Amino acid sequence: MNIKQLLSEKVSAAMVLAGLPEGTNPAVSLSSRPNFGDYQANGVMGAAKKLKTNPRELATKVVEHLDLSGIADNIELAGPGFINIHLDKKWLATQLAKTSNDEKLGVAQRGETEEDKSQTVVVDYSAPNLAKEMHVGHLRSTIIGDAVVRALEFRGDKVIRQNHMGDWGTQFGMLLAHLSDKLNANEVAETALSDLENFYREAKVRFDNEEGFADRARGFVVKLQGGDKDCLVLWKLFIDISIAHSEDIYQKLNVTLTRDDIMGESAYNPDLPVVVDELMTKGIAEVSEGAKVVFINEMANKDGEAPVFIIQKTGGGYLYATTDLSACRYRTSELKADRIIIFTDARQSLHFKQVEIVSRKAGLLPDHVGYDHCPFGMMMGDDGKPFKTRTGGTIKLAELLDEAIVRAKDVIKEKNPDYSEDKLNEIANKVGIGAVKFADLSKNRTSDYIFNWKTMLSFEGATAPYLQYAYSRIQSIFTKAEIEQANFNADITIIEPQEKALALKLLQLEEVIDAVISESMPNLLCNYLYELASLYMTFYEACPILKEGIDNDIKQSRLALCLNISKTLKQGLDILGIDVMDRM
């Protein structure tokens, strides 16, 4: 159910009947104030300006042709030509009833209509470097990408996750040389690699200071790139243990990435010379100072100087650029992508713009395939600088999540000292992880944000604990009423303005999900859920449910409304990868 879309179609039809050209934007939007209606259609204003006619007179004609019988109980003109639409309460109740028993909560599924076809969407996110443990810098890509993936799947698109892990490159020569020495000294691989950060640090010290080690490391690079069997065995051992570290993080974060979703840089290695040859043959690339490059004239500066996009170094080595070009080909030709979405920090925006331009020129990325690089801002500390340890070091993501759980446990224990240890641990895990994720996801993707423990663990304001509490509060109502939700069914009657506000909000879910998908902005869903929870809290105070003396039909109706809210909160938080609990 998409009310905005429905009204837009109705207003558009009325505009055509009023003499306006087909395709005129109806400009339907939610009203910011209830006294101005539930929705407004403001498209007449712009149309009248283009036609140089009186907007009020034109709006009057549109209203005359606007058929919203059974949908709206009042349509009024305001100002110079605004159309205010007041939706009928009975119609809203009927639409809510349709969503009550629908596992998708009334959200239409792709493929149900010819105009709304299902797409194959390839989403590239997380992408840690397997040479090191995941750090806080990997959090945003991982959870923003996963939320968008879940939203796409909820809407009915086919999603192919791509975890473009850094598992190749010159640094691996250094690491493999160090691992080889560890194994020769009879150290177990799992033990040697139990702390990847320390392992990397040890290898780097040896590379910089130990005589002969750097040459051995370079030798390992040559052997690895040449497909040496012994070297590949060692490399696969390193990769396998490194991936296990990442899997632990994914499980703790409650994201949907698995080992099957990994498509590391190494996977594209056989295709890299093919890509370079194609670009050279087509005259897109050329040799410059011994390297093979593409001059991107489309991005030339005011002096006509085009940026240089290197695809093969002078010595024959390949770069990230070459790998990303190959990935474009693989995702379109092999995975049959209709749309590609890539989540990285904003510092890589220029790189991916260049990748898109070159890929389209080379035919690696057909025109019909969407290509969206979705950059995000940085997590900042209270000092306004990138979030680091007190000593200025990188914060391991595993340690941050562990601290979140510990802090959440303290908060929950203070509120509920009678909880058992097992209960405390269960709730603390959901609240702590949820708090970290929501604090990040609720911010505009493109913005930096301040990481603050106190704010994110608060039970007030736009936080995960606030939403989780709203959900559990509804569960307590059904517990108190001794009603099994699975077997409960009742008609909804909308009487009070708080009930109407909730009905409107509940029926906006599809609209919000579509916005999340089109803009890759999970914060839109976060805002929606917070507004829904806030409206519920207002409704709870104004509209008694179990209070003695409440008419049974009203009681049943309000319980049915609560059930809809509960399901929507749970589903919305699930899309964000945040768990709920019946009791907090």
Protein backbone atom coordinates (compact mmCIF):
# COMPACT_ATOMS: atom_id res chain seq x y z
CA MET A 1 0.00 0.00 0.00
CA ASN A 2 1.44 3.31 -1.13
CA ILE A 3 -0.99 6.13 -0.38
CA LYS A 4 1.21 8.78 -1.98
CA GLN A 5 1.37 6.81 -5.23
CA LEU A 6 -2.40 6.19 -5.21
CA LEU A 7 -3.18 9.86 -4.66
CA SER A 8 -0.60 10.90 -7.25
CA GLU A 9 -2.33 8.72 -9.86
CA LYS A 10 -5.74 10.14 -8.94
CA VAL A 11 -4.56 13.76 -9.02
CA SER A 12 -2.66 13.21 -12.29
CA ALA A 13 -5.84 11.85 -13.92
CA ALA A 14 -7.79 14.89 -12.70
CA MET A 15 -5.12 17.26 -14.02
CA VAL A 16 -5.38 15.73 -17.51
CA LEU A 17 -9.19 16.05 -17.43
CA ALA A 18 -8.73 19.69 -16.38
CA GLY A 19 -6.71 20.29 -19.54
CA LEU A 20 -3.17 19.91 -18.29
CA PRO A 21 -0.61 17.90 -20.30
CA GLU A 22 -0.04 14.26 -19.41
CA GLY A 23 3.02 13.78 -17.22
CA THR A 24 2.45 16.98 -15.25
CA ASN A 25 3.89 16.46 -11.77
CA PRO A 26 1.02 16.34 -9.21
CA ALA A 27 3.53 17.08 -6.41
CA VAL A 28 1.67 15.04 -3.80
CA SER A 29 3.28 15.08 -0.37
CA LEU A 30 2.48 14.44 3.26
CA SER A 31 1.03 17.43 4.99
CA SER A 32 3.22 18.90 7.71
CA ARG A 33 0.15 19.99 9.70
CA PRO A 34 -3.07 17.97 10.18
CA ASN A 35 -5.29 21.06 9.76
CA PHE A 36 -3.95 21.31 6.20
CA GLY A 37 -5.12 17.79 5.46
CA ASP A 38 -3.31 14.47 5.54
CA TYR A 39 -1.78 14.95 2.08
CA GLN A 40 -1.34 17.96 -0.19
CA ALA A 41 -1.24 18.20 -3.98
CA ASN A 42 0.73 21.29 -4.96
CA GLY A 43 1.49 20.52 -8.61
CA VAL A 44 -1.08 23.01 -9.92
CA MET A 45 1.08 25.92 -8.76
CA GLY A 46 4.02 25.00 -11.01
CA ALA A 47 1.75 24.03 -13.91
CA ALA A 48 -0.15 27.34 -13.75
CA LYS A 49 3.09 29.29 -13.82
CA LYS A 50 4.22 27.47 -16.98
CA LEU A 51 0.82 28.01 -18.63
CA LYS A 52 0.63 31.61 -17.38
CA THR A 53 -2.85 31.05 -16.00
CA ASN A 54 -4.55 31.65 -12.64
CA PRO A 55 -3.52 28.82 -10.24
CA ARG A 56 -6.66 29.09 -8.11
CA GLU A 57 -8.94 28.72 -11.12
CA LEU A 58 -6.86 25.82 -12.44
CA ALA A 59 -6.89 24.09 -9.04
CA THR A 60 -10.68 24.48 -8.92
CA LYS A 61 -10.98 22.63 -12.25
CA VAL A 62 -8.66 19.86 -11.01
CA VAL A 63 -10.73 19.39 -7.83
CA GLU A 64 -13.89 19.17 -9.90
CA HIS A 65 -12.42 16.19 -11.74
CA LEU A 66 -10.68 14.65 -8.72
CA ASP A 67 -12.39 11.38 -7.85
CA LEU A 68 -11.45 10.31 -4.34
CA SER A 69 -14.80 8.82 -3.41
CA GLY A 70 -14.43 6.38 -0.56
CA ILE A 71 -10.82 7.49 -0.04
CA ALA A 72 -11.11 11.08 1.16
CA ASP A 73 -13.90 12.64 3.20
CA ASN A 74 -12.88 16.21 2.39
CA ILE A 75 -10.94 17.93 -0.41
CA GLU A 76 -10.36 21.65 -0.01
CA LEU A 77 -8.58 24.44 -1.80
CA ALA A 78 -6.18 26.58 0.15
CA GLY A 79 -4.26 29.73 -0.67
CA PRO A 80 -3.54 30.42 -4.34
CA GLY A 81 -4.04 26.81 -5.48
CA PHE A 82 -3.03 24.19 -2.93
CA ILE A 83 -5.21 21.08 -2.75
CA ASN A 84 -5.61 19.63 0.75
CA ILE A 85 -6.76 16.03 1.04
CA HIS A 86 -8.34 14.70 4.24
CA LEU A 87 -8.47 10.90 4.14
CA ASP A 88 -11.55 9.03 5.26
CA LYS A 89 -11.14 7.22 8.61
CA LYS A 90 -13.17 4.21 7.46
CA TRP A 91 -11.00 3.88 4.36
CA LEU A 92 -7.85 4.01 6.49
CA ALA A 93 -9.26 1.34 8.80
CA THR A 94 -10.09 -0.86 5.80
CA GLN A 95 -6.53 -0.54 4.45
CA LEU A 96 -5.09 -1.40 7.86
CA ALA A 97 -7.29 -4.49 8.03
CA LYS A 98 -5.75 -5.68 4.76
CA THR A 99 -2.25 -5.40 6.22
CA SER A 100 -3.07 -7.16 9.49
CA ASN A 101 -2.73 -10.71 8.20
CA ASP A 102 -0.17 -9.95 5.50
CA GLU A 103 3.35 -11.09 6.36
CA LYS A 104 4.68 -8.17 4.27
CA LEU A 105 2.45 -5.70 6.17
CA GLY A 106 0.78 -4.47 3.02
CA VAL A 107 4.03 -3.71 1.20
CA ALA A 108 3.57 -4.72 -2.45
CA GLN A 109 6.03 -7.21 -3.89
CA ARG A 110 8.04 -6.65 -7.05
CA GLY A 111 6.62 -8.53 -9.98
CA GLU A 112 2.99 -8.22 -8.90
CA THR A 113 2.45 -5.66 -11.67
CA GLU A 114 4.04 -5.14 -15.08
CA GLU A 115 5.17 -1.64 -14.10
CA ASP A 116 6.94 -2.84 -10.93
CA LYS A 117 9.25 -5.61 -12.10
CA SER A 118 11.70 -7.44 -9.85
CA GLN A 119 15.33 -6.52 -10.38
CA THR A 120 18.61 -8.32 -9.82
CA VAL A 121 20.63 -6.03 -7.60
CA VAL A 122 24.31 -6.64 -6.83
CA VAL A 123 25.35 -4.97 -3.59
CA ASP A 124 29.04 -4.56 -2.77
CA TYR A 125 29.57 -3.85 0.93
CA SER A 126 31.76 -4.43 3.98
CA ALA A 127 34.93 -5.33 2.02
CA PRO A 128 37.48 -5.69 4.85
CA ASN A 129 41.19 -6.19 4.23
CA LEU A 130 42.00 -9.75 5.25
CA ALA A 131 45.49 -8.76 6.25
CA LYS A 132 44.10 -7.07 9.34
CA GLU A 133 41.23 -7.38 11.79
CA MET A 134 38.07 -5.42 11.08
CA HIS A 135 38.12 -1.96 12.68
CA VAL A 136 35.51 0.75 13.27
CA GLY A 137 36.05 2.04 9.75
CA HIS A 138 34.34 -1.12 8.44
CA LEU A 139 31.20 -0.63 10.53
CA ARG A 140 29.35 1.82 8.27
CA SER A 141 29.83 -0.05 5.01
CA THR A 142 28.80 -3.32 6.67
CA ILE A 143 25.60 -2.22 8.40
CA ILE A 144 24.40 0.38 5.87
CA GLY A 145 24.88 -2.10 3.05
CA ASP A 146 23.13 -4.86 4.97
CA ALA A 147 20.13 -2.66 5.78
CA VAL A 148 19.69 -1.73 2.12
CA VAL A 149 20.05 -5.40 1.14
CA ARG A 150 17.32 -6.41 3.61
CA ALA A 151 15.05 -3.63 2.34
CA LEU A 152 15.53 -4.76 -1.27
CA GLU A 153 14.72 -8.36 -0.37
CA PHE A 154 11.70 -7.33 1.68
CA ARG A 155 10.37 -5.49 -1.38
CA GLY A 156 10.90 -8.57 -3.56
CA ASP A 157 14.08 -7.85 -5.51
CA LYS A 158 16.71 -10.53 -6.11
CA VAL A 159 19.84 -9.48 -4.22
CA ILE A 160 23.34 -10.80 -4.77
CA ARG A 161 25.70 -9.85 -1.97
CA GLN A 162 29.31 -9.20 -2.92
CA ASN A 163 31.91 -8.94 -0.18
CA HIS A 164 34.88 -7.57 -2.14
CA MET A 165 37.52 -8.58 0.41
CA GLY A 166 41.12 -7.45 0.08
CA ASP A 167 42.85 -10.83 -0.26
CA TRP A 168 45.51 -10.00 -2.85
CA GLY A 169 48.38 -7.62 -3.38
CA THR A 170 52.02 -7.03 -2.49
CA GLN A 171 51.39 -6.92 1.26
CA PHE A 172 50.56 -10.61 1.20
CA GLY A 173 54.14 -11.46 0.24
CA MET A 174 55.27 -9.97 3.54
CA LEU A 175 52.57 -11.78 5.50
CA LEU A 176 53.15 -15.14 3.84
CA ALA A 177 56.90 -14.95 4.45
CA HIS A 178 56.24 -14.27 8.13
CA LEU A 179 53.65 -17.07 8.37
CA SER A 180 56.03 -19.48 6.66
CA ASP A 181 58.65 -18.80 9.32
CA LYS A 182 56.09 -19.27 12.09
CA LEU A 183 55.04 -22.66 10.70
CA ASN A 184 58.66 -23.73 10.21
CA ALA A 185 59.16 -22.99 13.89
CA ASN A 186 56.36 -25.50 14.62
CA GLU A 187 53.83 -22.82 15.58
CA VAL A 188 50.20 -23.67 14.83
CA ALA A 189 48.66 -21.41 12.17
CA GLU A 190 45.55 -20.66 14.23
CA THR A 191 47.73 -19.57 17.14
CA ALA A 192 50.01 -17.46 14.95
CA LEU A 193 47.03 -15.68 13.40
CA SER A 194 44.88 -15.37 16.52
CA ASP A 195 45.70 -11.64 16.63
CA LEU A 196 45.88 -10.38 13.06
CA GLU A 197 46.86 -6.87 14.05
CA ASN A 198 49.86 -8.10 16.02
CA PHE A 199 50.78 -10.54 13.25
CA TYR A 200 50.73 -7.73 10.67
CA ARG A 201 52.77 -5.48 12.96
CA GLU A 202 55.42 -8.18 13.46
CA ALA A 203 55.65 -8.79 9.71
CA LYS A 204 55.95 -5.06 8.97
CA VAL A 205 58.76 -4.61 11.51
CA ARG A 206 60.65 -7.51 9.91
CA PHE A 207 60.01 -6.08 6.42
CA ASP A 208 61.40 -2.68 7.41
CA ASN A 209 64.31 -3.79 9.56
CA GLU A 210 65.37 -7.41 9.03
CA GLU A 211 68.04 -7.97 6.42
CA GLY A 212 66.87 -10.17 3.56
CA PHE A 213 63.26 -10.40 4.72
CA ALA A 214 61.95 -7.81 2.26
CA ASP A 215 63.51 -9.68 -0.66
CA ARG A 216 61.93 -12.93 0.56
CA ALA A 217 58.58 -11.17 0.83
CA ARG A 218 58.85 -9.92 -2.76
CA GLY A 219 59.74 -13.44 -3.81
CA PHE A 220 56.52 -14.68 -2.21
CA VAL A 221 54.55 -12.08 -4.20
CA VAL A 222 56.04 -13.35 -7.46
CA LYS A 223 55.32 -16.96 -6.52
CA LEU A 224 51.78 -16.13 -5.42
CA GLN A 225 50.97 -14.26 -8.61
CA GLY A 226 52.58 -17.05 -10.62
CA GLY A 227 50.32 -19.68 -9.04
CA ASP A 228 52.99 -21.55 -7.07
CA LYS A 229 51.18 -24.48 -5.39
CA ASP A 230 53.00 -24.33 -2.04
CA CYS A 231 52.54 -20.59 -1.86
CA LEU A 232 48.84 -20.87 -2.69
CA VAL A 233 48.37 -23.43 0.10
CA LEU A 234 49.93 -20.99 2.55
CA TRP A 235 47.85 -18.09 1.19
CA LYS A 236 44.60 -20.09 1.45
CA LEU A 237 45.44 -20.98 5.06
CA PHE A 238 45.95 -17.32 5.89
CA ILE A 239 42.75 -16.31 4.09
CA ASP A 240 40.65 -19.01 5.75
CA ILE A 241 41.65 -18.00 9.27
CA SER A 242 41.25 -14.30 8.44
CA ILE A 243 37.75 -14.88 7.10
CA ALA A 244 36.83 -16.69 10.33
CA HIS A 245 37.65 -13.45 12.20
CA SER A 246 35.30 -11.51 9.91
CA GLU A 247 32.55 -14.10 10.30
CA ASP A 248 32.63 -13.65 14.07
CA ILE A 249 32.04 -9.92 13.59
CA TYR A 250 29.19 -10.47 11.13
CA GLN A 251 27.47 -12.84 13.52
CA LYS A 252 27.83 -10.41 16.41
CA LEU A 253 26.57 -7.52 14.26
CA ASN A 254 23.60 -9.59 13.05
CA VAL A 255 24.32 -8.94 9.38
CA THR A 256 23.46 -11.39 6.61
CA LEU A 257 26.88 -11.75 4.96
CA THR A 258 28.24 -15.30 4.76
CA ARG A 259 31.34 -16.97 3.38
CA ASP A 260 29.42 -17.67 0.15
CA ASP A 261 29.12 -13.93 -0.46
CA ILE A 262 32.88 -13.38 -0.60
CA MET A 263 34.22 -12.30 -3.95
CA GLY A 264 37.74 -11.24 -3.11
CA GLU A 265 40.13 -9.26 -5.28
CA SER A 266 41.95 -12.48 -6.13
CA ALA A 267 38.90 -13.82 -7.97
CA TYR A 268 39.37 -11.25 -10.72
CA ASN A 269 43.10 -11.89 -11.18
CA PRO A 270 42.78 -14.09 -14.34
CA ASP A 271 40.61 -11.47 -16.05
CA LEU A 272 42.87 -8.46 -15.44
CA PRO A 273 45.16 -8.90 -18.52
CA VAL A 274 42.03 -9.51 -20.62
CA VAL A 275 40.50 -6.22 -19.45
CA VAL A 276 43.71 -4.32 -20.19
CA ASP A 277 44.00 -5.87 -23.67
CA GLU A 278 40.37 -4.98 -24.45
CA LEU A 279 40.84 -1.36 -23.48
CA MET A 280 44.02 -1.14 -25.53
CA THR A 281 42.43 -2.81 -28.58
CA LYS A 282 39.42 -0.47 -28.45
CA GLY A 283 41.69 2.55 -28.23
CA ILE A 284 40.31 3.53 -24.84
CA ALA A 285 43.65 2.98 -23.09
CA GLU A 286 47.12 3.93 -24.26
CA VAL A 287 50.73 3.65 -23.14
CA SER A 288 52.04 6.63 -21.22
CA GLU A 289 55.49 6.64 -19.61
CA GLY A 290 55.53 2.85 -19.73
CA ALA A 291 52.17 2.44 -18.00
CA LYS A 292 48.82 1.66 -19.61
CA VAL A 293 46.35 4.41 -18.82
CA VAL A 294 43.01 5.94 -19.76
CA PHE A 295 42.79 9.71 -20.11
CA ILE A 296 39.26 10.54 -18.93
CA ASN A 297 38.38 13.53 -21.11
CA GLU A 298 34.87 13.64 -19.65
CA MET A 299 36.42 14.85 -16.39
CA ALA A 300 38.93 17.31 -17.88
CA ASN A 301 39.56 20.52 -15.94
CA LYS A 302 39.05 24.03 -17.30
CA ASP A 303 42.47 23.86 -18.92
CA GLY A 304 41.51 20.70 -20.78
CA GLU A 305 43.72 18.45 -18.68
CA ALA A 306 42.14 15.02 -18.31
CA PRO A 307 42.71 12.90 -15.19
CA VAL A 308 44.85 9.80 -15.67
CA PHE A 309 43.31 6.44 -14.82
CA ILE A 310 46.09 3.85 -14.55
CA ILE A 311 45.07 0.26 -15.33
CA GLN A 312 48.54 -1.34 -15.49
CA LYS A 313 51.75 -0.09 -13.91
CA THR A 314 55.03 0.24 -15.76
CA GLY A 315 56.31 -2.98 -14.22
CA GLY A 316 53.22 -4.90 -15.35
CA GLY A 317 51.37 -4.87 -12.03
CA TYR A 318 47.64 -4.20 -11.82
CA LEU A 319 45.74 -1.82 -9.57
CA TYR A 320 42.42 -1.54 -7.76
CA ALA A 321 41.16 0.22 -10.87
CA THR A 322 41.76 -2.84 -13.02
CA THR A 323 40.03 -5.10 -10.51
CA ASP A 324 36.99 -2.81 -10.30
CA LEU A 325 36.68 -2.76 -14.10
CA SER A 326 36.74 -6.55 -14.14
CA ALA A 327 34.12 -6.59 -11.36
CA CYS A 328 31.82 -4.48 -13.54
CA ARG A 329 32.07 -7.01 -16.33
CA TYR A 330 31.49 -9.98 -13.99
CA ARG A 331 28.49 -8.40 -12.29
CA THR A 332 26.73 -7.51 -15.53
CA SER A 333 27.63 -10.47 -17.73
CA GLU A 334 27.75 -13.31 -15.18
CA LEU A 335 25.47 -12.12 -12.38
CA LYS A 336 23.05 -10.37 -14.80
CA ALA A 337 22.77 -7.29 -12.61
CA ASP A 338 20.11 -4.66 -13.35
CA ARG A 339 21.63 -2.42 -10.71
CA ILE A 340 24.96 -2.32 -8.89
CA ILE A 341 25.29 -0.60 -5.51
CA ILE A 342 28.67 -0.05 -3.86
CA PHE A 343 29.16 1.22 -0.30
CA THR A 344 32.53 2.80 0.58
CA ASP A 345 33.64 5.90 2.43
CA ALA A 346 33.45 9.21 0.62
CA ARG A 347 37.20 9.34 -0.06
CA GLN A 348 36.70 6.82 -2.87
CA SER A 349 34.02 8.80 -4.71
CA LEU A 350 36.33 10.04 -7.46
CA HIS A 351 37.74 6.56 -8.05
CA PHE A 352 34.32 4.98 -8.59
CA LYS A 353 33.16 7.81 -10.82
CA GLN A 354 36.17 7.11 -13.02
CA VAL A 355 35.46 3.37 -12.93
CA GLU A 356 31.91 3.99 -14.15
CA ILE A 357 32.98 6.27 -17.00
CA VAL A 358 35.67 3.87 -18.26
CA SER A 359 33.44 0.79 -17.81
CA ARG A 360 30.63 2.31 -19.84
CA LYS A 361 32.98 3.42 -22.63
CA ALA A 362 34.46 -0.08 -22.77
CA GLY A 363 31.08 -1.82 -22.74
CA LEU A 364 31.86 -3.56 -19.45
CA LEU A 365 28.90 -1.71 -17.92
CA PRO A 366 25.90 -1.52 -20.30
CA ASP A 367 23.74 1.61 -20.33
CA HIS A 368 20.68 -0.20 -18.96
CA VAL A 369 22.51 -1.24 -15.77
CA GLY A 370 22.32 1.19 -12.87
CA TYR A 371 25.62 1.94 -11.11
CA ASP A 372 25.36 3.64 -7.74
CA HIS A 373 28.41 4.38 -5.66
CA CYS A 374 26.99 5.30 -2.25
CA PRO A 375 29.62 7.11 -0.19
CA PHE A 376 29.33 7.60 3.54
CA GLY A 377 30.85 9.93 6.10
CA MET A 378 33.12 9.03 8.99
CA MET A 379 32.53 8.05 12.59
CA MET A 380 33.99 10.84 14.73
CA GLY A 381 34.98 11.08 18.38
CA ASP A 382 33.81 13.78 20.80
CA ASP A 383 36.79 15.86 19.69
CA GLY A 384 35.40 16.01 16.15
CA LYS A 385 38.25 13.91 14.79
CA PRO A 386 38.10 10.34 13.38
CA PHE A 387 37.16 7.91 16.17
CA LYS A 388 40.32 6.31 17.59
CA THR A 389 41.76 4.97 20.84
CA ARG A 390 43.04 7.43 23.43
CA THR A 391 46.54 6.75 22.18
CA GLY A 392 45.49 7.48 18.60
CA GLY A 393 45.36 3.85 17.46
CA THR A 394 42.71 2.11 15.37
CA ILE A 395 39.78 0.68 17.35
CA LYS A 396 39.05 -2.97 16.62
CA LEU A 397 35.40 -3.48 15.76
CA ALA A 398 35.20 -6.62 17.92
CA GLU A 399 36.35 -4.65 20.98
CA LEU A 400 33.86 -1.85 20.30
CA LEU A 401 30.96 -4.31 20.11
CA ASP A 402 32.07 -6.09 23.28
CA GLU A 403 32.16 -2.75 25.09
CA ALA A 404 28.67 -1.93 23.80
CA ILE A 405 27.31 -5.13 25.34
CA VAL A 406 29.05 -4.47 28.68
CA ARG A 407 27.71 -0.91 28.84
CA ALA A 408 24.20 -2.05 27.89
CA LYS A 409 24.30 -4.71 30.60
CA ASP A 410 25.06 -2.06 33.21
CA VAL A 411 22.11 0.05 32.03
CA ILE A 412 19.68 -2.90 31.97
CA LYS A 413 20.85 -4.18 35.38
CA GLU A 414 20.25 -0.79 36.95
CA LYS A 415 16.69 -0.76 35.64
CA ASN A 416 15.99 -4.45 36.34
CA PRO A 417 18.17 -5.70 39.23
CA ASP A 418 16.03 -8.85 39.57
CA TYR A 419 16.95 -10.24 36.15
CA SER A 420 18.95 -13.46 36.03
CA GLU A 421 22.45 -13.38 34.57
CA ASP A 422 21.32 -15.27 31.48
CA LYS A 423 18.43 -12.86 30.94
CA LEU A 424 20.73 -9.87 31.44
CA ASN A 425 23.22 -11.19 28.91
CA GLU A 426 20.52 -11.90 26.33
CA ILE A 427 18.97 -8.44 26.59
CA ALA A 428 22.34 -6.65 26.84
CA ASN A 429 23.48 -8.24 23.61
CA LYS A 430 20.38 -7.09 21.72
CA VAL A 431 20.36 -3.62 23.27
CA GLY A 432 24.11 -3.01 22.99
CA ILE A 433 24.51 -4.13 19.38
CA GLY A 434 21.22 -2.48 18.44
CA ALA A 435 22.32 0.79 20.02
CA VAL A 436 25.57 0.92 18.03
CA LYS A 437 23.82 0.06 14.77
CA PHE A 438 20.90 2.45 15.16
CA ALA A 439 23.16 5.33 16.19
CA ASP A 440 24.99 4.89 12.90
CA LEU A 441 22.07 4.01 10.62
CA SER A 442 19.90 6.87 11.90
CA LYS A 443 22.39 9.45 10.60
CA ASN A 444 22.34 10.68 7.03
CA ARG A 445 24.65 8.33 5.13
CA THR A 446 26.70 11.10 3.60
CA SER A 447 27.38 12.90 6.89
CA ASP A 448 30.04 12.41 9.55
CA TYR A 449 28.64 11.75 13.01
CA ILE A 450 29.81 11.88 16.62
CA PHE A 451 30.06 8.53 18.39
CA ASN A 452 28.62 8.91 21.91
CA TRP A 453 27.92 6.02 24.28
CA LYS A 454 25.54 7.92 26.55
CA THR A 455 23.30 9.12 23.73
CA MET A 456 23.03 5.81 21.88
CA LEU A 457 22.21 3.79 25.02
CA SER A 458 19.53 6.22 26.19
CA PHE A 459 15.91 5.10 26.51
CA GLU A 460 14.81 8.53 25.34
CA GLY A 461 14.96 10.06 21.87
CA ALA A 462 15.76 8.41 18.55
CA THR A 463 17.66 5.37 19.82
CA ALA A 464 17.40 1.60 19.48
CA PRO A 465 16.61 1.15 23.22
CA TYR A 466 13.66 3.56 22.86
CA LEU A 467 12.24 1.58 19.94
CA GLN A 468 12.94 -1.78 21.58
CA TYR A 469 11.18 -0.55 24.71
CA ALA A 470 8.16 0.61 22.68
CA TYR A 471 7.91 -2.88 21.20
CA SER A 472 8.21 -4.63 24.56
CA ARG A 473 5.64 -2.25 26.04
CA ILE A 474 3.10 -3.44 23.49
CA GLN A 475 3.95 -7.05 24.31
CA SER A 476 3.26 -6.35 27.98
CA ILE A 477 -0.25 -5.11 27.10
CA PHE A 478 -1.11 -8.41 25.45
CA THR A 479 0.49 -10.32 28.32
CA LYS A 480 -1.59 -8.37 30.84
CA ALA A 481 -4.74 -8.92 28.77
CA GLU A 482 -3.86 -12.64 28.54
CA ILE A 483 -4.33 -12.57 24.76
CA GLU A 484 -2.35 -14.69 22.31
CA GLN A 485 -1.34 -12.40 19.47
CA ALA A 486 -1.23 -15.22 16.93
CA ASN A 487 -4.92 -15.91 17.45
CA PHE A 488 -6.08 -12.32 17.88
CA ASN A 489 -8.21 -10.64 15.24
CA ALA A 490 -10.44 -7.60 15.56
CA ASP A 491 -11.84 -4.77 13.48
CA ILE A 492 -10.17 -1.38 13.74
CA THR A 493 -12.35 1.67 14.24
CA ILE A 494 -10.59 5.01 14.03
CA ILE A 495 -12.18 7.61 16.30
CA GLU A 496 -9.53 9.71 18.02
CA PRO A 497 -6.98 11.89 16.19
CA GLN A 498 -4.15 9.86 17.78
CA GLU A 499 -5.58 6.72 16.17
CA LYS A 500 -5.79 8.38 12.78
CA ALA A 501 -2.21 9.63 13.04
CA LEU A 502 -1.05 6.08 13.79
CA ALA A 503 -3.07 4.61 10.92
CA LEU A 504 -1.55 7.10 8.49
CA LYS A 505 1.96 6.35 9.71
CA LEU A 506 1.48 2.57 9.52
CA LEU A 507 0.28 2.82 5.93
CA GLN A 508 3.39 4.77 4.89
CA LEU A 509 5.72 1.77 5.30
CA GLU A 510 5.93 0.91 1.59
CA GLU A 511 6.65 4.53 0.70
CA VAL A 512 9.49 4.62 3.23
CA ILE A 513 10.97 1.28 2.10
CA ASP A 514 10.97 2.49 -1.51
CA ALA A 515 12.79 5.67 -0.48
CA VAL A 516 15.40 3.64 1.40
CA ILE A 517 15.95 1.49 -1.69
CA SER A 518 16.09 4.28 -4.26
CA GLU A 519 18.37 6.54 -2.20
CA SER A 520 20.27 3.85 -0.22
CA MET A 521 19.46 5.80 2.93
CA PRO A 522 18.53 3.60 5.95
CA ASN A 523 18.14 6.73 8.09
CA LEU A 524 14.76 7.27 6.40
CA LEU A 525 13.52 4.01 7.93
CA CYS A 526 15.07 4.94 11.30
CA ASN A 527 13.20 8.26 11.25
CA TYR A 528 9.97 6.50 10.34
CA LEU A 529 10.25 3.97 13.16
CA TYR A 530 11.04 6.67 15.70
CA GLU A 531 8.03 8.70 14.56
CA LEU A 532 5.84 5.58 14.77
CA ALA A 533 7.06 4.77 18.29
CA SER A 534 6.54 8.37 19.38
CA LEU A 535 2.99 8.39 18.00
CA TYR A 536 2.33 5.15 19.85
CA MET A 537 3.52 6.66 23.14
CA THR A 538 1.17 9.62 22.60
CA PHE A 539 -1.68 7.26 21.70
CA TYR A 540 -0.99 5.12 24.80
CA GLU A 541 -1.37 8.13 27.09
CA ALA A 542 -4.45 9.55 25.36
CA CYS A 543 -6.34 6.38 24.47
CA PRO A 544 -6.76 3.86 27.34
CA ILE A 545 -6.78 0.23 26.27
CA LEU A 546 -7.23 -2.05 29.28
CA LYS A 547 -8.67 0.56 31.62
CA GLU A 548 -11.87 -0.44 33.38
CA GLY A 549 -14.97 0.98 31.74
CA ILE A 550 -13.59 1.01 28.19
CA ASP A 551 -16.12 -0.29 25.67
CA ASN A 552 -15.11 -3.77 24.51
CA ASP A 553 -15.27 -2.88 20.80
CA ILE A 554 -12.99 0.09 21.41
CA LYS A 555 -10.67 -2.07 23.49
CA GLN A 556 -10.47 -4.68 20.73
CA SER A 557 -9.91 -2.01 18.09
CA ARG A 558 -7.05 -0.44 20.03
CA LEU A 559 -5.49 -3.82 20.66
CA ALA A 560 -5.65 -4.49 16.91
CA LEU A 561 -3.96 -1.15 16.30
CA CYS A 562 -1.28 -2.03 18.85
CA LEU A 563 -0.69 -5.34 17.09
CA ASN A 564 -0.13 -3.55 13.78
CA ILE A 565 2.34 -1.18 15.44
CA SER A 566 4.16 -4.08 17.07
CA LYS A 567 4.52 -5.97 13.79
CA THR A 568 5.75 -2.86 11.97
CA LEU A 569 8.30 -1.98 14.64
CA LYS A 570 9.61 -5.55 14.64
CA GLN A 571 9.79 -5.75 10.85
CA GLY A 572 11.36 -2.32 10.50
CA LEU A 573 14.03 -3.07 13.09
CA ASP A 574 14.66 -6.44 11.46
CA ILE A 575 15.42 -4.68 8.17
CA LEU A 576 17.99 -2.66 10.13
CA GLY A 577 19.35 -5.89 11.61
CA ILE A 578 18.23 -5.02 15.15
CA ASP A 579 16.55 -7.57 17.42
CA VAL A 580 13.58 -6.95 19.72
CA MET A 581 12.54 -8.65 22.93
CA ASP A 582 9.21 -9.16 24.65
CA ARG A 583 10.49 -7.87 27.95
CA MET A 584 13.11 -5.26 28.85
